[in-house]
């Protein structure tokens, strides 16, 4: 079986738009400004997170691998020069990025497994698709 691996890299500006847009559908409010940093939070931040039980239908529809981690986002408001922090689950951010991708017509295969990853300057959505190859498909029998 051949595996196709693809990485969508979202800038902090795109992630800000994605999170605000998806959060608005749930009545969530976020700090003013834009995201300037994203980092994994400690395990306690996830264990006590109020959103960890929330599973959006899109998670199942788009094969999002559950990630039991919280992510701390730093918002910077250029008018007040304030930094504010918010913790979200990795699953919430994954769903927000998938919604953003669908809205912006970025190809998103439903059956491919999706995982969230953080780099120093970006938030990434890794897409892994198992492709059937001739050698992995079951051979036909005479009865078929």
C-alpha atoms as a PDB file:
ATOM      1  CA  UNK A   1       0.000   0.000   0.000  1.00  0.00           C
ATOM      2  CA  UNK A   2       1.448   3.335  -1.052  1.00  0.00           C
ATOM      3  CA  UNK A   3       0.960   6.218   1.390  1.00  0.00           C
ATOM      4  CA  UNK A   4       0.487   9.763   0.175  1.00  0.00           C
ATOM      5  CA  UNK A   5       1.629  12.388   2.673  1.00  0.00           C
ATOM      6  CA  UNK A   6       0.698  16.031   2.341  1.00  0.00           C
ATOM      7  CA  UNK A   7       1.239  18.949   4.709  1.00  0.00           C
ATOM      8  CA  UNK A   8      -0.886  22.079   4.673  1.00  0.00           C
ATOM      9  CA  UNK A   9       0.990  24.902   6.359  1.00  0.00           C
ATOM     10  CA  UNK A  10      -1.148  27.710   7.734  1.00  0.00           C
ATOM     11  CA  UNK A  11       0.299  31.073   8.694  1.00  0.00           C
ATOM     12  CA  UNK A  12      -0.736  32.573  12.012  1.00  0.00           C
ATOM     13  CA  UNK A  13      -2.870  35.077  10.087  1.00  0.00           C
ATOM     14  CA  UNK A  14      -4.764  32.271   8.344  1.00  0.00           C
ATOM     15  CA  UNK A  15      -5.120  30.406  11.628  1.00  0.00           C
ATOM     16  CA  UNK A  16      -6.529  33.535  13.275  1.00  0.00           C
ATOM     17  CA  UNK A  17      -9.186  33.801  10.548  1.00  0.00           C
ATOM     18  CA  UNK A  18      -9.975  30.073  10.768  1.00  0.00           C
ATOM     19  CA  UNK A  19     -10.363  30.042  14.540  1.00  0.00           C
ATOM     20  CA  UNK A  20     -12.436  33.232  14.668  1.00  0.00           C
ATOM     21  CA  UNK A  21     -14.719  32.001  11.886  1.00  0.00           C
ATOM     22  CA  UNK A  22     -15.250  28.530  13.340  1.00  0.00           C
ATOM     23  CA  UNK A  23     -15.571  29.850  16.886  1.00  0.00           C
ATOM     24  CA  UNK A  24     -18.225  32.347  15.763  1.00  0.00           C
ATOM     25  CA  UNK A  25     -20.479  29.444  14.710  1.00  0.00           C
ATOM     26  CA  UNK A  26     -20.335  28.282  18.343  1.00  0.00           C
ATOM     27  CA  UNK A  27     -20.731  31.747  19.890  1.00  0.00           C
ATOM     28  CA  UNK A  28     -17.118  31.888  21.114  1.00  0.00           C
ATOM     29  CA  UNK A  29     -15.219  35.128  21.640  1.00  0.00           C
ATOM     30  CA  UNK A  30     -11.471  35.487  21.273  1.00  0.00           C
ATOM     31  CA  UNK A  31      -9.025  38.195  22.326  1.00  0.00           C
ATOM     32  CA  UNK A  32      -8.515  41.150  19.995  1.00  0.00           C
ATOM     33  CA  UNK A  33      -5.573  41.049  17.620  1.00  0.00           C
ATOM     34  CA  UNK A  34      -3.907  38.236  15.754  1.00  0.00           C
ATOM     35  CA  UNK A  35      -2.164  35.027  16.703  1.00  0.00           C
ATOM     36  CA  UNK A  36       1.591  35.477  16.988  1.00  0.00           C
ATOM     37  CA  UNK A  37       2.502  32.183  18.643  1.00  0.00           C
ATOM     38  CA  UNK A  38       1.181  28.671  19.127  1.00  0.00           C
ATOM     39  CA  UNK A  39       2.661  26.085  21.462  1.00  0.00           C
ATOM     40  CA  UNK A  40       1.610  22.824  23.052  1.00  0.00           C
ATOM     41  CA  UNK A  41       0.369  23.288  26.598  1.00  0.00           C
ATOM     42  CA  UNK A  42       1.069  20.872  29.429  1.00  0.00           C
ATOM     43  CA  UNK A  43      -0.961  17.728  29.984  1.00  0.00           C
ATOM     44  CA  UNK A  44      -2.929  19.304  32.858  1.00  0.00           C
ATOM     45  CA  UNK A  45      -4.266  22.003  30.530  1.00  0.00           C
ATOM     46  CA  UNK A  46      -5.824  19.269  28.400  1.00  0.00           C
ATOM     47  CA  UNK A  47      -7.026  17.055  31.250  1.00  0.00           C
ATOM     48  CA  UNK A  48      -9.078  19.884  32.746  1.00  0.00           C
ATOM     49  CA  UNK A  49     -10.104  21.503  29.450  1.00  0.00           C
ATOM     50  CA  UNK A  50     -13.843  22.056  29.167  1.00  0.00           C
ATOM     51  CA  UNK A  51     -13.829  21.348  25.418  1.00  0.00           C
ATOM     52  CA  UNK A  52     -12.057  17.991  25.440  1.00  0.00           C
ATOM     53  CA  UNK A  53     -15.365  16.079  25.350  1.00  0.00           C
ATOM     54  CA  UNK A  54     -16.687  18.156  22.432  1.00  0.00           C
ATOM     55  CA  UNK A  55     -16.508  16.280  19.146  1.00  0.00           C
ATOM     56  CA  UNK A  56     -17.609  18.146  16.034  1.00  0.00           C
ATOM     57  CA  UNK A  57     -19.291  16.030  13.342  1.00  0.00           C
ATOM     58  CA  UNK A  58     -16.614  17.114  10.871  1.00  0.00           C
ATOM     59  CA  UNK A  59     -14.018  15.210  12.932  1.00  0.00           C
ATOM     60  CA  UNK A  60     -15.620  11.923  11.947  1.00  0.00           C
ATOM     61  CA  UNK A  61     -16.591  13.031   8.449  1.00  0.00           C
ATOM     62  CA  UNK A  62     -13.029  14.110   7.641  1.00  0.00           C
ATOM     63  CA  UNK A  63     -11.137  11.409   9.568  1.00  0.00           C
ATOM     64  CA  UNK A  64      -9.413  13.744  12.050  1.00  0.00           C
ATOM     65  CA  UNK A  65      -7.136  11.757  14.344  1.00  0.00           C
ATOM     66  CA  UNK A  66      -7.980  12.642  17.932  1.00  0.00           C
ATOM     67  CA  UNK A  67      -5.118  14.526  19.549  1.00  0.00           C
ATOM     68  CA  UNK A  68      -5.327  14.643  23.360  1.00  0.00           C
ATOM     69  CA  UNK A  69      -3.407  17.922  23.660  1.00  0.00           C
ATOM     70  CA  UNK A  70      -4.174  21.528  24.437  1.00  0.00           C
ATOM     71  CA  UNK A  71      -2.574  24.353  22.519  1.00  0.00           C
ATOM     72  CA  UNK A  72      -1.892  27.798  23.937  1.00  0.00           C
ATOM     73  CA  UNK A  73      -2.385  30.576  21.403  1.00  0.00           C
ATOM     74  CA  UNK A  74      -0.901  34.020  21.992  1.00  0.00           C
ATOM     75  CA  UNK A  75      -2.937  36.896  20.577  1.00  0.00           C
ATOM     76  CA  UNK A  76      -1.279  40.288  20.118  1.00  0.00           C
ATOM     77  CA  UNK A  77      -3.372  43.444  19.898  1.00  0.00           C
ATOM     78  CA  UNK A  78      -1.417  46.079  17.932  1.00  0.00           C
ATOM     79  CA  UNK A  79      -3.585  48.924  19.254  1.00  0.00           C
ATOM     80  CA  UNK A  80      -3.050  48.246  22.954  1.00  0.00           C
ATOM     81  CA  UNK A  81       0.218  46.291  22.640  1.00  0.00           C
ATOM     82  CA  UNK A  82      -1.287  43.599  24.890  1.00  0.00           C
ATOM     83  CA  UNK A  83      -0.676  39.901  24.643  1.00  0.00           C
ATOM     84  CA  UNK A  84      -3.466  37.577  25.714  1.00  0.00           C
ATOM     85  CA  UNK A  85      -3.433  33.812  25.912  1.00  0.00           C
ATOM     86  CA  UNK A  86      -6.113  31.237  25.254  1.00  0.00           C
ATOM     87  CA  UNK A  87      -6.034  27.451  25.453  1.00  0.00           C
ATOM     88  CA  UNK A  88      -7.876  25.411  22.855  1.00  0.00           C
ATOM     89  CA  UNK A  89      -7.857  21.709  22.147  1.00  0.00           C
ATOM     90  CA  UNK A  90      -5.856  20.488  19.166  1.00  0.00           C
ATOM     91  CA  UNK A  91      -9.076  18.940  17.824  1.00  0.00           C
ATOM     92  CA  UNK A  92     -10.842  22.323  17.854  1.00  0.00           C
ATOM     93  CA  UNK A  93      -7.990  23.881  15.879  1.00  0.00           C
ATOM     94  CA  UNK A  94      -7.932  20.941  13.424  1.00  0.00           C
ATOM     95  CA  UNK A  95     -11.638  21.334  12.718  1.00  0.00           C
ATOM     96  CA  UNK A  96     -11.260  25.111  12.315  1.00  0.00           C
ATOM     97  CA  UNK A  97      -8.480  24.592   9.753  1.00  0.00           C
ATOM     98  CA  UNK A  98     -10.516  21.996   7.848  1.00  0.00           C
ATOM     99  CA  UNK A  99     -13.497  24.375   7.723  1.00  0.00           C
ATOM    100  CA  UNK A 100     -11.155  27.138   6.528  1.00  0.00           C
ATOM    101  CA  UNK A 101      -9.751  24.829   3.837  1.00  0.00           C
ATOM    102  CA  UNK A 102     -13.215  23.854   2.609  1.00  0.00           C
ATOM    103  CA  UNK A 103     -14.319  27.510   2.509  1.00  0.00           C
ATOM    104  CA  UNK A 104     -11.199  28.449   0.528  1.00  0.00           C
ATOM    105  CA  UNK A 105     -11.467  25.449  -1.820  1.00  0.00           C
ATOM    106  CA  UNK A 106      -8.269  23.749  -0.662  1.00  0.00           C
ATOM    107  CA  UNK A 107      -8.408  20.079  -1.600  1.00  0.00           C
ATOM    108  CA  UNK A 108      -9.291  18.019   1.462  1.00  0.00           C
ATOM    109  CA  UNK A 109      -9.850  14.270   0.915  1.00  0.00           C
ATOM    110  CA  UNK A 110     -12.402  13.046   3.455  1.00  0.00           C
ATOM    111  CA  UNK A 111     -10.970   9.562   3.943  1.00  0.00           C
ATOM    112  CA  UNK A 112      -7.363  10.666   4.541  1.00  0.00           C
ATOM    113  CA  UNK A 113      -6.190  10.748   8.159  1.00  0.00           C
ATOM    114  CA  UNK A 114      -5.509  14.279   9.418  1.00  0.00           C
ATOM    115  CA  UNK A 115      -3.125  15.240  12.243  1.00  0.00           C
ATOM    116  CA  UNK A 116      -2.300  18.655  13.690  1.00  0.00           C
ATOM    117  CA  UNK A 117       1.333  19.686  14.162  1.00  0.00           C
ATOM    118  CA  UNK A 118       3.043  22.883  15.288  1.00  0.00           C
ATOM    119  CA  UNK A 119       6.250  24.367  13.942  1.00  0.00           C
ATOM    120  CA  UNK A 120       8.032  27.434  15.252  1.00  0.00           C
ATOM    121  CA  UNK A 121       6.127  29.815  12.955  1.00  0.00           C
ATOM    122  CA  UNK A 122       3.148  27.879  11.583  1.00  0.00           C
ATOM    123  CA  UNK A 123       0.353  25.475  12.370  1.00  0.00           C
ATOM    124  CA  UNK A 124       0.249  22.457  10.074  1.00  0.00           C
ATOM    125  CA  UNK A 125      -2.354  19.905   9.107  1.00  0.00           C
ATOM    126  CA  UNK A 126      -0.767  16.647   7.972  1.00  0.00           C
ATOM    127  CA  UNK A 127      -2.827  14.556   5.575  1.00  0.00           C
ATOM    128  CA  UNK A 128      -2.014  10.851   5.165  1.00  0.00           C
ATOM    129  CA  UNK A 129      -3.834   8.826   2.536  1.00  0.00           C
ATOM    130  CA  UNK A 130      -3.384   5.092   2.103  1.00  0.00           C
ATOM    131  CA  UNK A 131      -3.635   4.251  -1.614  1.00  0.00           C
ATOM    132  CA  UNK A 132      -4.442   0.748  -2.723  1.00  0.00           C
ATOM    133  CA  UNK A 133      -1.842  -0.659  -5.069  1.00  0.00           C
ATOM    134  CA  UNK A 134      -1.989  -3.689  -7.281  1.00  0.00           C
ATOM    135  CA  UNK A 135       0.228  -5.674  -4.923  1.00  0.00           C
ATOM    136  CA  UNK A 136      -1.968  -4.930  -1.867  1.00  0.00           C
ATOM    137  CA  UNK A 137      -5.345  -5.622  -3.408  1.00  0.00           C
ATOM    138  CA  UNK A 138      -6.785  -9.062  -2.916  1.00  0.00           C
ATOM    139  CA  UNK A 139      -6.457 -11.331  -5.952  1.00  0.00           C
ATOM    140  CA  UNK A 140      -9.603 -12.233  -7.845  1.00  0.00           C
ATOM    141  CA  UNK A 141     -10.837 -15.774  -7.542  1.00  0.00           C
ATOM    142  CA  UNK A 142     -12.323 -17.816 -10.348  1.00  0.00           C
ATOM    143  CA  UNK A 143     -15.785 -17.500  -8.818  1.00  0.00           C
ATOM    144  CA  UNK A 144     -15.687 -13.739  -9.281  1.00  0.00           C
END
